[in-house]
């Protein structure tokens, strides 16, 4: 069972590994920090903001079954100046 306790956007003070794509989160890079309970164990992790958004697309059954870092590719980042025609 998965229960999220805390989620916030932070600037990395040290290098971390993204829990979703397993790529490096560099010092100073924005990341989503989560604290959660999974199968009765307290856990925490960091993710790229776009990886966190991608993870939210999982249905509850997939989320409950869990995933291993690197199982999922890092999604393309949306450019701030991107215009739709």
Protein backbone atom coordinates (compact mmCIF):
# COMPACT_ATOMS: atom_id res chain seq x y z
CA UNK A 1 0.00 0.00 0.00
CA UNK A 2 1.24 3.50 -0.90
CA UNK A 3 0.43 6.58 1.19
CA UNK A 4 2.11 9.88 0.41
CA UNK A 5 2.77 11.98 3.50
CA UNK A 6 4.64 14.96 2.05
CA UNK A 7 5.51 16.39 -1.36
CA UNK A 8 7.32 19.65 -2.04
CA UNK A 9 9.56 21.24 -4.66
CA UNK A 10 13.10 21.87 -3.46
CA UNK A 11 16.53 22.90 -4.77
CA UNK A 12 18.98 20.03 -4.34
CA UNK A 13 21.68 20.81 -1.77
CA UNK A 14 23.53 17.66 -2.76
CA UNK A 15 23.42 15.23 -5.68
CA UNK A 16 20.56 12.71 -5.72
CA UNK A 17 19.27 10.01 -8.05
CA UNK A 18 15.80 10.47 -9.53
CA UNK A 19 13.56 7.70 -8.25
CA UNK A 20 11.68 7.57 -11.57
CA UNK A 21 14.33 7.67 -14.31
CA UNK A 22 17.51 7.02 -12.24
CA UNK A 23 19.28 10.02 -13.81
CA UNK A 24 21.26 12.36 -11.60
CA UNK A 25 19.71 15.38 -9.93
CA UNK A 26 22.54 17.93 -9.73
CA UNK A 27 23.27 20.35 -6.92
CA UNK A 28 21.06 23.43 -7.38
CA UNK A 29 18.59 21.63 -9.66
CA UNK A 30 14.87 21.74 -8.83
CA UNK A 31 13.43 18.45 -7.62
CA UNK A 32 10.25 17.07 -6.11
CA UNK A 33 10.92 15.64 -2.64
CA UNK A 34 8.48 13.01 -1.34
CA UNK A 35 8.01 11.27 1.99
CA UNK A 36 5.70 8.26 1.87
CA UNK A 37 4.82 4.87 3.32
CA UNK A 38 5.09 1.87 0.97
CA UNK A 39 4.19 -1.60 2.21
CA UNK A 40 4.49 -0.39 5.79
CA UNK A 41 7.97 1.15 5.38
CA UNK A 42 8.67 4.88 5.61
CA UNK A 43 10.61 6.12 2.56
CA UNK A 44 11.75 9.35 0.91
CA UNK A 45 13.01 10.21 -2.53
CA UNK A 46 13.69 12.95 -5.05
CA UNK A 47 12.49 13.23 -8.66
CA UNK A 48 12.81 15.58 -11.60
CA UNK A 49 9.62 17.69 -11.73
CA UNK A 50 8.71 16.18 -15.12
CA UNK A 51 9.26 12.66 -13.76
CA UNK A 52 7.00 13.42 -10.81
CA UNK A 53 4.28 14.56 -13.24
CA UNK A 54 4.74 11.40 -15.29
CA UNK A 55 4.43 9.26 -12.16
CA UNK A 56 1.09 10.96 -11.34
CA UNK A 57 -0.30 9.44 -14.57
CA UNK A 58 -0.04 5.92 -13.08
CA UNK A 59 -3.30 4.41 -11.96
CA UNK A 60 -3.53 3.32 -8.33
CA UNK A 61 -2.99 -0.37 -9.18
CA UNK A 62 0.32 0.39 -10.96
CA UNK A 63 1.40 2.73 -8.18
CA UNK A 64 0.60 0.13 -5.52
CA UNK A 65 2.75 -2.46 -7.31
CA UNK A 66 5.74 -0.10 -7.18
CA UNK A 67 8.60 0.52 -9.57
CA UNK A 68 12.40 0.41 -9.61
CA UNK A 69 14.49 3.52 -10.38
CA UNK A 70 15.30 3.52 -14.08
CA UNK A 71 12.26 1.45 -15.08
CA UNK A 72 10.78 4.60 -16.61
CA UNK A 73 12.41 7.00 -19.07
CA UNK A 74 12.75 10.68 -18.22
CA UNK A 75 10.01 12.55 -20.10
CA UNK A 76 10.91 15.48 -22.29
CA UNK A 77 10.91 18.72 -20.39
CA UNK A 78 8.31 21.29 -21.41
CA UNK A 79 10.02 24.50 -22.49
CA UNK A 80 8.84 27.63 -20.69
CA UNK A 81 8.77 29.62 -23.93
CA UNK A 82 7.01 26.90 -25.91
CA UNK A 83 4.06 28.22 -27.92
CA UNK A 84 1.23 26.14 -29.31
CA UNK A 85 0.02 26.96 -32.82
